[in-house]
Amino acid sequence: MTSFDSLDLIEPLQRAVSAENYQTLTPIQAQAIPPLLEGRDVLGCAQTGTGKTAAFLLPILQHLATDPLPGKPVIRALVLTPTRELAAQIGEFFETYGRFLDLYHLVIFGGVKQRAQVAALRRGVDVLVATPGRLLDLQDQGYIDLNDVEFFVLDEADRMLDMGFIRDIRKVLRLLHEDRQNLLFSATMPDSIVKLASAFLDDPVRVEVDRQSTTVEIILQKVLFVTRPDKNRLLRHLLKDPEIESAIVFTRTKHGANRVTKNLVQAGVEAAAIHGNKSQPARQRALAGFKSGNLRVLVATDVASRGIDVDGVSHVFNYDLPNIPENYVHRIGRTGRAGREGVAIAFCDETETAFLRDIEKLTGKALEVVLDHPWHLPTAMPGSSKSGRPHSSSKPSGRNTRNSSRERPEKSPRDGGRKHSGPRKRSRRKPPGGRGRRD
């Protein structure tokens, strides 16, 4: 294992890392930080929770701190993310790692008034973390100038494409100067991501950790077959287990998330929903309550799930199986973090067996079937075996396996679920030095 001491980090960053009690580099950090410190472009395949934010923030902060510019700060680093939750989380990491540096940062996204964001931009920022919609809105209004960007990070690139941001990404790329260092991180690496990367990465170093086709081995994965009307009762029944300290419940739709939350609250379970139709203050309250432990259960859609990086999530429930198998791996990755054990429980109704087959094909692992629950599907049900496991030949009522749900999955707005701006932070500023050169 490689330690942080082995990196050639400047003293303020070493102090910040030590304050967080970081000692050993994660695999993505060990592979990505050295080439980034050397100025190389990087194409990284890593999921959230692997330490990738530190992998790109620490080298960027080091470059900016050792090559200061005179005068008012200008945007020299741009981090583009798909969702407001993820943007806010990256902003929090900036505060952590940059606490002893003389740098400004700002987090911007839609869903809130732009006045405070515009005021901060006018004062000057060094690092801008943004979602595509609000970034382009403010750029169109003349409040953002990207001509001085030296470092560009495209985070969660696969999610960006899933949410329809490819045109916005291309617009942003056209606004950037060609002489810059580029970083692209994605949890999956399909051909579409490789094609996108080849369009702007220059001879990148490719680093890959925890391929999307594999799941964290320490997560115990189970599936319970249940009819759709019985899912609510089954969830309430399982949540009576005191070992479920904190849980995230995933639904396929916003309305489904609201229904599940209402049902749990009526049953006396501390729960709140987070999805694209929730106001930003409501989303913040829900996430803050969950992080603090005041809420035991967070009900979320896939659109809202990126950026939910909470330590100590003991269980993940797939109330609705996702119709995109990769989303299953993203979902269960909310538990089993930092080497801790986790449990992922999937509910599968009579319309979702094809989704289950897709998930097991992707992960290369059959989920453990739990038979001993009160609402198990009858073995006499068409397409079921004596073990209670539907035959692999069963299909969801002849409907397309990618879209066989009673409701459409939540689709994101242009901004990918927007969040209010994070605080604009400035450390004690030293007298500016001359501009250095990037090798």
Protein backbone atom coordinates (compact mmCIF):
# COMPACT_ATOMS: atom_id res chain seq x y z
CA MET A 1 0.00 0.00 0.00
CA THR A 2 1.16 3.52 -0.83
CA SER A 3 0.97 6.27 1.75
CA PHE A 4 0.22 9.96 1.25
CA ASP A 5 3.71 10.68 2.54
CA SER A 6 5.09 9.22 -0.69
CA LEU A 7 3.45 11.98 -2.73
CA ASP A 8 5.33 15.18 -3.40
CA LEU A 9 2.58 17.36 -1.95
CA ILE A 10 3.22 20.88 -0.72
CA GLU A 11 3.10 21.47 3.03
CA PRO A 12 -0.41 23.05 3.19
CA LEU A 13 -1.89 20.03 1.40
CA GLN A 14 0.06 17.60 3.55
CA ARG A 15 -1.28 19.37 6.63
CA ALA A 16 -4.85 19.19 5.33
CA VAL A 17 -4.52 15.49 4.51
CA SER A 18 -3.03 14.77 7.93
CA ALA A 19 -5.87 16.68 9.61
CA GLU A 20 -8.29 14.23 7.97
CA ASN A 21 -6.16 11.32 9.20
CA TYR A 22 -5.55 10.14 5.63
CA GLN A 23 -2.67 7.69 5.57
CA THR A 24 -3.00 5.17 2.75
CA LEU A 25 -3.83 6.08 -0.84
CA THR A 26 -6.82 4.39 -2.41
CA PRO A 27 -6.11 2.57 -5.70
CA ILE A 28 -7.51 5.40 -7.83
CA GLN A 29 -5.46 7.97 -5.91
CA ALA A 30 -2.26 5.93 -6.21
CA GLN A 31 -2.73 5.59 -9.97
CA ALA A 32 -4.08 9.06 -10.83
CA ILE A 33 -2.28 11.56 -8.59
CA PRO A 34 1.32 11.05 -9.83
CA PRO A 35 0.54 11.59 -13.55
CA LEU A 36 -1.72 14.51 -12.70
CA LEU A 37 1.06 16.13 -10.71
CA GLU A 38 3.23 15.68 -13.81
CA GLY A 39 0.67 17.54 -15.91
CA ARG A 40 -0.67 14.55 -17.84
CA ASP A 41 -4.29 14.15 -18.93
CA VAL A 42 -6.07 11.30 -17.14
CA LEU A 43 -8.95 9.05 -18.11
CA GLY A 44 -10.20 7.39 -14.93
CA CYS A 45 -12.71 4.61 -14.45
CA ALA A 46 -13.87 4.67 -10.84
CA GLN A 47 -17.11 4.80 -8.92
CA THR A 48 -18.03 7.28 -6.23
CA GLY A 49 -16.68 6.29 -2.85
CA THR A 50 -13.28 5.24 -4.22
CA GLY A 51 -11.51 8.48 -3.31
CA LYS A 52 -11.51 9.92 -6.82
CA THR A 53 -12.41 13.46 -5.67
CA ALA A 54 -9.14 13.72 -3.77
CA ALA A 55 -7.43 12.11 -6.75
CA PHE A 56 -8.19 15.12 -8.94
CA LEU A 57 -8.54 17.93 -6.40
CA LEU A 58 -5.16 17.52 -4.69
CA PRO A 59 -3.09 17.82 -7.91
CA ILE A 60 -5.18 20.76 -9.13
CA LEU A 61 -4.80 22.60 -5.83
CA GLN A 62 -1.07 21.95 -5.85
CA HIS A 63 -0.69 23.36 -9.38
CA LEU A 64 -2.73 26.45 -8.57
CA ALA A 65 -0.97 27.12 -5.27
CA THR A 66 2.52 26.80 -6.72
CA ASP A 67 1.71 28.92 -9.79
CA PRO A 68 -0.21 31.95 -8.41
CA LEU A 69 -1.48 34.77 -10.60
CA PRO A 70 -1.42 38.44 -9.64
CA GLY A 71 -4.58 40.45 -9.21
CA LYS A 72 -8.18 39.33 -8.80
CA PRO A 73 -8.65 35.57 -9.02
CA VAL A 74 -9.84 34.18 -12.35
CA ILE A 75 -11.36 30.79 -13.07
CA ARG A 76 -8.37 28.52 -13.60
CA ALA A 77 -10.00 25.19 -12.77
CA LEU A 78 -13.47 24.01 -13.82
CA VAL A 79 -15.12 20.89 -12.44
CA LEU A 80 -18.28 19.87 -14.29
CA THR A 81 -20.68 17.51 -12.52
CA PRO A 82 -24.14 16.14 -13.38
CA THR A 83 -26.02 16.87 -10.15
CA ARG A 84 -26.23 19.54 -7.49
CA GLU A 85 -25.59 17.03 -4.70
CA LEU A 86 -22.34 15.93 -6.28
CA ALA A 87 -21.33 19.53 -6.96
CA ALA A 88 -21.94 20.46 -3.33
CA GLN A 89 -19.98 17.44 -2.16
CA ILE A 90 -16.98 18.40 -4.29
CA GLY A 91 -17.22 21.91 -2.85
CA GLU A 92 -17.04 20.43 0.65
CA PHE A 93 -13.93 18.47 -0.30
CA PHE A 94 -12.37 21.67 -1.64
CA GLU A 95 -12.91 23.30 1.74
CA THR A 96 -11.29 20.28 3.40
CA TYR A 97 -8.22 20.03 1.20
CA GLY A 98 -7.79 23.73 0.48
CA ARG A 99 -8.25 25.02 4.02
CA PHE A 100 -4.63 26.14 4.32
CA LEU A 101 -4.35 27.54 0.80
CA ASP A 102 -4.86 31.02 -0.55
CA LEU A 103 -7.56 30.10 -3.05
CA TYR A 104 -11.23 30.85 -3.69
CA HIS A 105 -13.79 28.33 -4.85
CA LEU A 106 -17.45 28.53 -5.79
CA VAL A 107 -20.17 25.94 -6.39
CA ILE A 108 -22.95 26.90 -8.79
CA PHE A 109 -26.09 25.16 -10.00
CA GLY A 110 -29.67 25.98 -10.78
CA GLY A 111 -32.82 25.76 -8.73
CA VAL A 112 -31.97 28.84 -6.69
CA LYS A 113 -31.59 32.55 -7.40
CA GLN A 114 -28.37 33.46 -9.11
CA ARG A 115 -27.68 36.75 -7.30
CA ALA A 116 -25.24 35.35 -4.71
CA GLN A 117 -23.47 33.29 -7.35
CA VAL A 118 -23.05 36.30 -9.63
CA ALA A 119 -21.71 38.41 -6.75
CA ALA A 120 -19.11 35.76 -5.94
CA LEU A 121 -18.09 35.48 -9.57
CA ARG A 122 -17.59 39.24 -9.76
CA ARG A 123 -15.27 39.10 -6.75
CA GLY A 124 -13.26 36.36 -8.43
CA VAL A 125 -12.81 32.62 -7.95
CA ASP A 126 -9.96 30.22 -8.68
CA VAL A 127 -11.94 26.97 -8.83
CA LEU A 128 -15.48 26.70 -10.17
CA VAL A 129 -17.59 23.60 -9.54
CA ALA A 130 -20.72 23.63 -11.68
CA THR A 131 -23.56 21.73 -13.22
CA PRO A 132 -23.93 22.28 -16.98
CA GLY A 133 -27.22 24.19 -17.02
CA ARG A 134 -26.38 26.98 -14.60
CA LEU A 135 -22.83 27.25 -15.96
CA LEU A 136 -24.06 27.91 -19.50
CA ASP A 137 -26.86 30.19 -18.28
CA LEU A 138 -24.41 32.45 -16.45
CA GLN A 139 -21.91 32.28 -19.30
CA ASP A 140 -24.61 33.34 -21.76
CA GLN A 141 -25.35 36.32 -19.50
CA GLY A 142 -21.69 37.32 -19.50
CA TYR A 143 -20.93 36.52 -15.87
CA ILE A 144 -18.51 33.67 -16.55
CA ASP A 145 -15.28 33.81 -18.55
CA LEU A 146 -13.60 30.45 -19.16
CA ASN A 147 -10.68 31.74 -21.22
CA ASP A 148 -8.21 31.21 -18.33
CA VAL A 149 -9.20 27.64 -17.45
CA GLU A 150 -6.05 25.53 -17.10
CA PHE A 151 -7.65 22.44 -15.56
CA PHE A 152 -10.91 20.87 -16.71
CA VAL A 153 -12.53 17.96 -14.88
CA LEU A 154 -15.52 16.09 -16.30
CA ASP A 155 -16.81 14.03 -13.38
CA GLU A 156 -19.37 11.21 -13.59
CA ALA A 157 -19.16 11.33 -17.38
CA ASP A 158 -21.38 8.30 -17.88
CA ARG A 159 -24.10 9.91 -15.81
CA MET A 160 -23.69 13.09 -17.83
CA LEU A 161 -24.43 11.19 -21.01
CA ASP A 162 -27.31 9.27 -19.42
CA MET A 163 -28.90 12.57 -18.44
CA GLY A 164 -28.60 14.03 -21.92
CA PHE A 165 -25.80 16.53 -21.29
CA ILE A 166 -23.65 15.70 -24.30
CA ARG A 167 -24.59 18.91 -26.14
CA ASP A 168 -23.91 21.02 -23.07
CA ILE A 169 -20.54 19.32 -22.61
CA ARG A 170 -19.59 20.11 -26.18
CA LYS A 171 -20.63 23.74 -25.69
CA VAL A 172 -18.45 24.00 -22.60
CA LEU A 173 -15.49 22.45 -24.41
CA ARG A 174 -15.78 25.07 -27.16
CA LEU A 175 -15.50 27.80 -24.52
CA LEU A 176 -12.23 26.49 -23.11
CA HIS A 177 -8.71 27.35 -24.22
CA GLU A 178 -6.90 24.43 -25.84
CA ASP A 179 -3.84 24.71 -23.58
CA ARG A 180 -5.19 22.97 -20.48
CA GLN A 181 -4.94 19.75 -18.49
CA ASN A 182 -7.98 17.49 -18.81
CA LEU A 183 -9.42 14.86 -16.49
CA LEU A 184 -12.38 12.59 -17.19
CA PHE A 185 -13.80 10.27 -14.55
CA SER A 186 -16.56 7.77 -15.18
CA ALA A 187 -17.94 4.77 -13.31
CA THR A 188 -18.32 2.91 -16.61
CA MET A 189 -16.35 3.05 -19.81
CA PRO A 190 -18.70 2.31 -22.73
CA ASP A 191 -17.81 3.25 -26.29
CA SER A 192 -19.66 6.56 -25.96
CA ILE A 193 -17.38 7.63 -23.10
CA VAL A 194 -14.25 6.50 -24.93
CA LYS A 195 -15.37 8.51 -27.97
CA LEU A 196 -16.04 11.58 -25.83
CA ALA A 197 -12.68 11.25 -24.10
CA SER A 198 -10.82 11.01 -27.40
CA ALA A 199 -12.36 14.33 -28.44
CA PHE A 200 -10.54 16.39 -25.82
CA LEU A 201 -8.05 14.30 -23.83
CA ASP A 202 -4.44 14.54 -25.04
CA ASP A 203 -2.57 11.22 -24.79
CA PRO A 204 -4.22 10.42 -21.45
CA VAL A 205 -2.99 8.07 -18.77
CA ARG A 206 -5.78 5.54 -18.25
CA VAL A 207 -6.45 4.39 -14.71
CA GLU A 208 -9.12 1.89 -13.84
CA VAL A 209 -10.48 0.80 -10.46
CA ASP A 210 -13.54 -1.28 -9.58
CA ARG A 211 -14.91 -1.90 -13.04
CA GLN A 212 -18.64 -1.32 -13.31
CA SER A 213 -19.14 -4.95 -14.30
CA THR A 214 -18.04 -6.03 -10.83
CA THR A 215 -19.52 -5.21 -7.45
CA VAL A 216 -17.94 -4.75 -4.08
CA GLU A 217 -17.45 -8.21 -2.64
CA ILE A 218 -18.15 -7.13 0.92
CA ILE A 219 -21.73 -6.18 0.01
CA LEU A 220 -24.15 -9.01 0.75
CA GLN A 221 -26.70 -8.98 -2.07
CA LYS A 222 -30.15 -10.51 -1.69
CA VAL A 223 -33.36 -10.63 -3.71
CA LEU A 224 -36.89 -11.08 -2.40
CA PHE A 225 -39.67 -11.99 -4.83
CA VAL A 226 -42.84 -10.12 -3.99
CA THR A 227 -45.91 -8.81 -5.78
CA ARG A 228 -45.94 -5.08 -6.39
CA PRO A 229 -48.88 -4.36 -4.02
CA ASP A 230 -47.03 -6.12 -1.18
CA LYS A 231 -43.77 -4.18 -1.50
CA ASN A 232 -44.78 -1.53 1.03
CA ARG A 233 -45.68 -4.08 3.67
CA LEU A 234 -42.50 -6.02 3.04
CA LEU A 235 -40.36 -2.90 3.40
CA ARG A 236 -42.02 -1.92 6.68
CA HIS A 237 -41.56 -5.49 7.92
CA LEU A 238 -37.84 -5.55 7.12
CA LEU A 239 -37.21 -2.13 8.63
CA LYS A 240 -38.28 -3.48 12.02
CA ASP A 241 -34.85 -5.10 12.19
CA PRO A 242 -32.74 -2.98 14.58
CA GLU A 243 -29.58 -3.96 12.67
CA ILE A 244 -30.75 -1.67 9.86
CA GLU A 245 -29.17 1.46 11.28
CA SER A 246 -29.54 3.63 8.19
CA ALA A 247 -30.91 2.76 4.78
CA ILE A 248 -31.36 4.23 1.34
CA VAL A 249 -34.44 3.03 -0.55
CA PHE A 250 -34.33 3.43 -4.33
CA THR A 251 -37.44 3.83 -6.44
CA ARG A 252 -37.69 4.21 -10.18
CA THR A 253 -39.93 7.29 -10.16
CA LYS A 254 -40.46 10.50 -8.22
CA HIS A 255 -44.07 9.65 -7.47
CA GLY A 256 -43.00 6.24 -6.26
CA ALA A 257 -40.48 7.85 -3.90
CA ASN A 258 -43.20 10.08 -2.47
CA ARG A 259 -45.57 7.16 -1.96
CA VAL A 260 -42.95 5.03 -0.23
CA THR A 261 -41.93 7.90 2.04
CA LYS A 262 -45.52 8.67 2.99
CA ASN A 263 -46.14 5.02 3.78
CA LEU A 264 -43.04 4.79 5.98
CA VAL A 265 -43.80 7.99 7.87
CA GLN A 266 -47.32 6.77 8.56
CA ALA A 267 -45.78 3.59 9.98
CA GLY A 268 -43.59 5.63 12.34
CA VAL A 269 -40.32 5.36 10.37
CA GLU A 270 -38.18 8.49 10.17
CA ALA A 271 -37.93 8.93 6.40
CA ALA A 272 -37.69 11.62 3.73
CA ALA A 273 -37.59 11.63 -0.06
CA ILE A 274 -35.05 13.21 -2.36
CA HIS A 275 -35.73 13.59 -6.09
CA GLY A 276 -35.87 16.10 -8.91
CA ASN A 277 -39.26 17.57 -8.00
CA LYS A 278 -38.23 18.40 -4.45
CA SER A 279 -37.25 21.98 -3.75
CA GLN A 280 -33.62 22.61 -3.02
CA PRO A 281 -34.22 23.44 0.69
CA ALA A 282 -36.22 20.21 1.04
CA ARG A 283 -33.46 18.18 -0.56
CA GLN A 284 -30.87 19.79 1.68
CA ARG A 285 -32.92 19.14 4.81
CA ALA A 286 -33.44 15.50 3.84
CA LEU A 287 -29.78 14.87 3.10
CA ALA A 288 -28.61 16.75 6.20
CA GLY A 289 -31.05 14.84 8.38
CA PHE A 290 -29.87 11.54 6.95
CA LYS A 291 -26.20 12.40 7.40
CA SER A 292 -26.78 13.48 11.00
CA GLY A 293 -28.73 10.34 11.85
CA ASN A 294 -32.00 12.13 12.55
CA LEU A 295 -33.50 10.34 9.55
CA ARG A 296 -33.12 6.59 9.43
CA VAL A 297 -34.31 6.15 5.85
CA LEU A 298 -33.68 8.20 2.72
CA VAL A 299 -35.86 7.42 -0.29
CA ALA A 300 -34.22 8.42 -3.56
CA THR A 301 -34.44 8.15 -7.32
CA ASP A 302 -31.41 7.48 -9.50
CA VAL A 303 -31.27 11.09 -10.66
CA ALA A 304 -30.90 12.31 -7.08
CA SER A 305 -28.62 9.52 -5.90
CA ARG A 306 -25.31 10.78 -7.33
CA GLY A 307 -23.49 12.70 -4.66
CA ILE A 308 -25.10 10.87 -1.74
CA ASP A 309 -21.82 10.00 -0.08
CA VAL A 310 -22.71 9.16 3.50
CA ASP A 311 -20.59 7.03 5.77
CA GLY A 312 -22.26 4.26 7.71
CA VAL A 313 -25.16 3.38 5.38
CA SER A 314 -25.85 -0.18 6.52
CA HIS A 315 -28.46 -1.16 3.93
CA VAL A 316 -29.60 -0.30 0.43
CA PHE A 317 -33.06 -1.36 -0.71
CA ASN A 318 -33.92 -1.60 -4.39
CA TYR A 319 -37.65 -1.12 -3.91
CA ASP A 320 -37.91 -0.98 -7.70
CA LEU A 321 -35.28 -2.75 -9.72
CA PRO A 322 -33.61 -0.32 -12.13
CA ASN A 323 -34.29 -0.85 -15.82
CA ILE A 324 -30.64 0.03 -16.51
CA PRO A 325 -28.46 -2.62 -14.84
CA GLU A 326 -25.50 -0.28 -14.33
CA ASN A 327 -27.68 1.80 -12.02
CA TYR A 328 -27.98 -1.19 -9.71
CA VAL A 329 -24.23 -1.12 -9.10
CA HIS A 330 -24.34 2.64 -8.52
CA ARG A 331 -27.15 2.18 -6.02
CA ILE A 332 -25.64 -0.60 -3.92
CA GLY A 333 -22.35 1.29 -3.89
CA ARG A 334 -23.93 3.64 -1.33
CA THR A 335 -23.26 0.93 1.28
CA GLY A 336 -20.13 -1.08 1.96
CA ARG A 337 -18.00 2.07 1.90
CA ALA A 338 -14.41 2.38 3.05
CA GLY A 339 -14.04 -1.34 3.64
CA ARG A 340 -17.17 -1.65 5.77
CA GLU A 341 -19.68 -4.40 5.24
CA GLY A 342 -23.00 -3.58 3.66
CA VAL A 343 -26.25 -5.26 2.67
CA ALA A 344 -28.18 -4.69 -0.55
CA ILE A 345 -31.74 -6.02 -0.71
CA ALA A 346 -33.68 -6.08 -3.97
CA PHE A 347 -37.42 -6.46 -4.35
CA CYS A 348 -38.44 -8.18 -7.58
CA ASP A 349 -42.07 -8.26 -8.68
CA GLU A 350 -43.63 -10.16 -11.55
CA THR A 351 -42.76 -7.44 -14.08
CA GLU A 352 -39.08 -7.10 -13.12
CA THR A 353 -37.56 -10.53 -13.73
CA ALA A 354 -35.88 -9.39 -16.94
CA PHE A 355 -34.28 -6.50 -15.06
CA LEU A 356 -32.94 -9.00 -12.52
CA ARG A 357 -31.46 -11.15 -15.29
CA ASP A 358 -29.72 -8.09 -16.75
CA ILE A 359 -28.28 -7.19 -13.34
CA GLU A 360 -26.96 -10.67 -12.70
CA LYS A 361 -25.49 -10.82 -16.18
CA LEU A 362 -23.69 -7.51 -15.64
CA THR A 363 -22.35 -8.36 -12.18
CA GLY A 364 -21.62 -11.98 -13.00
CA LYS A 365 -23.21 -12.97 -9.73
CA ALA A 366 -26.58 -14.48 -8.83
CA LEU A 367 -28.29 -12.66 -5.99
CA GLU A 368 -29.08 -14.73 -2.92
CA VAL A 369 -32.80 -15.58 -2.90
CA VAL A 370 -34.65 -15.05 0.38
CA LEU A 371 -37.73 -17.27 0.60
CA ASP A 372 -38.74 -16.92 4.23
CA HIS A 373 -40.78 -13.75 4.18
CA PRO A 374 -44.56 -13.44 4.49
CA TRP A 375 -45.20 -12.06 1.02
CA HIS A 376 -43.07 -14.37 -1.08
CA LEU A 377 -44.51 -14.93 -4.57
CA PRO A 378 -46.47 -18.21 -4.79
CA THR A 379 -44.48 -21.03 -6.36
CA ALA A 380 -47.48 -21.79 -8.53
CA MET A 381 -47.20 -18.38 -10.17
CA PRO A 382 -46.67 -18.66 -13.95
CA GLY A 383 -42.99 -18.59 -14.84
CA SER A 384 -41.86 -19.60 -11.34
CA SER A 385 -39.88 -22.62 -10.26
CA LYS A 386 -40.40 -24.69 -7.13
CA SER A 387 -37.60 -22.79 -5.49
CA GLY A 388 -39.60 -19.64 -5.84
CA ARG A 389 -37.12 -18.23 -8.37
CA PRO A 390 -38.73 -17.20 -11.67
CA HIS A 391 -37.37 -19.11 -14.64
CA SER A 392 -34.85 -17.17 -16.70
CA SER A 393 -37.21 -17.48 -19.64
CA SER A 394 -39.93 -15.44 -17.98
CA LYS A 395 -40.43 -11.96 -19.40
CA PRO A 396 -42.37 -9.00 -18.01
CA SER A 397 -45.71 -9.37 -19.74
CA GLY A 398 -44.27 -9.22 -23.24
CA ARG A 399 -43.14 -5.61 -22.77
CA ASN A 400 -39.76 -4.24 -23.67
CA THR A 401 -37.36 -5.27 -20.92
CA ARG A 402 -35.84 -1.81 -20.74
CA ASN A 403 -39.12 -0.01 -20.21
CA SER A 404 -41.49 -2.42 -18.55
CA SER A 405 -42.45 -0.31 -15.56
CA ARG A 406 -45.81 1.18 -14.81
CA GLU A 407 -44.28 4.60 -14.55
CA ARG A 408 -41.53 6.29 -16.45
CA PRO A 409 -38.21 6.65 -14.65
CA GLU A 410 -37.41 10.12 -13.45
CA LYS A 411 -35.76 12.26 -16.09
CA SER A 412 -33.51 15.08 -15.12
CA PRO A 413 -33.74 18.75 -16.07
CA ARG A 414 -30.93 20.31 -18.05
CA ASP A 415 -29.10 21.06 -14.83
CA GLY A 416 -29.27 17.49 -13.64
CA GLY A 417 -31.02 18.34 -10.41
CA ARG A 418 -29.80 21.70 -9.24
CA LYS A 419 -28.58 22.75 -5.86
CA HIS A 420 -27.92 26.12 -4.27
CA SER A 421 -24.37 27.38 -4.37
CA GLY A 422 -21.89 26.33 -1.76
CA PRO A 423 -20.13 28.93 0.33
CA ARG A 424 -17.37 30.94 -1.27
CA LYS A 425 -14.31 30.31 0.82
CA ARG A 426 -11.05 32.23 0.97
CA SER A 427 -8.05 31.36 3.06
CA ARG A 428 -5.60 33.95 4.30
CA ARG A 429 -4.18 35.43 1.12
CA LYS A 430 -0.49 36.08 0.69
CA PRO A 431 0.90 38.78 -1.59
CA PRO A 432 0.45 37.53 -5.15
CA GLY A 433 3.46 36.27 -7.00
CA GLY A 434 4.25 36.28 -10.68
CA ARG A 435 2.70 33.82 -13.04
CA GLY A 436 4.68 30.67 -13.49
CA ARG A 437 4.69 28.33 -16.42
CA ARG A 438 3.01 24.98 -16.75
CA ASP A 439 5.27 22.33 -18.15
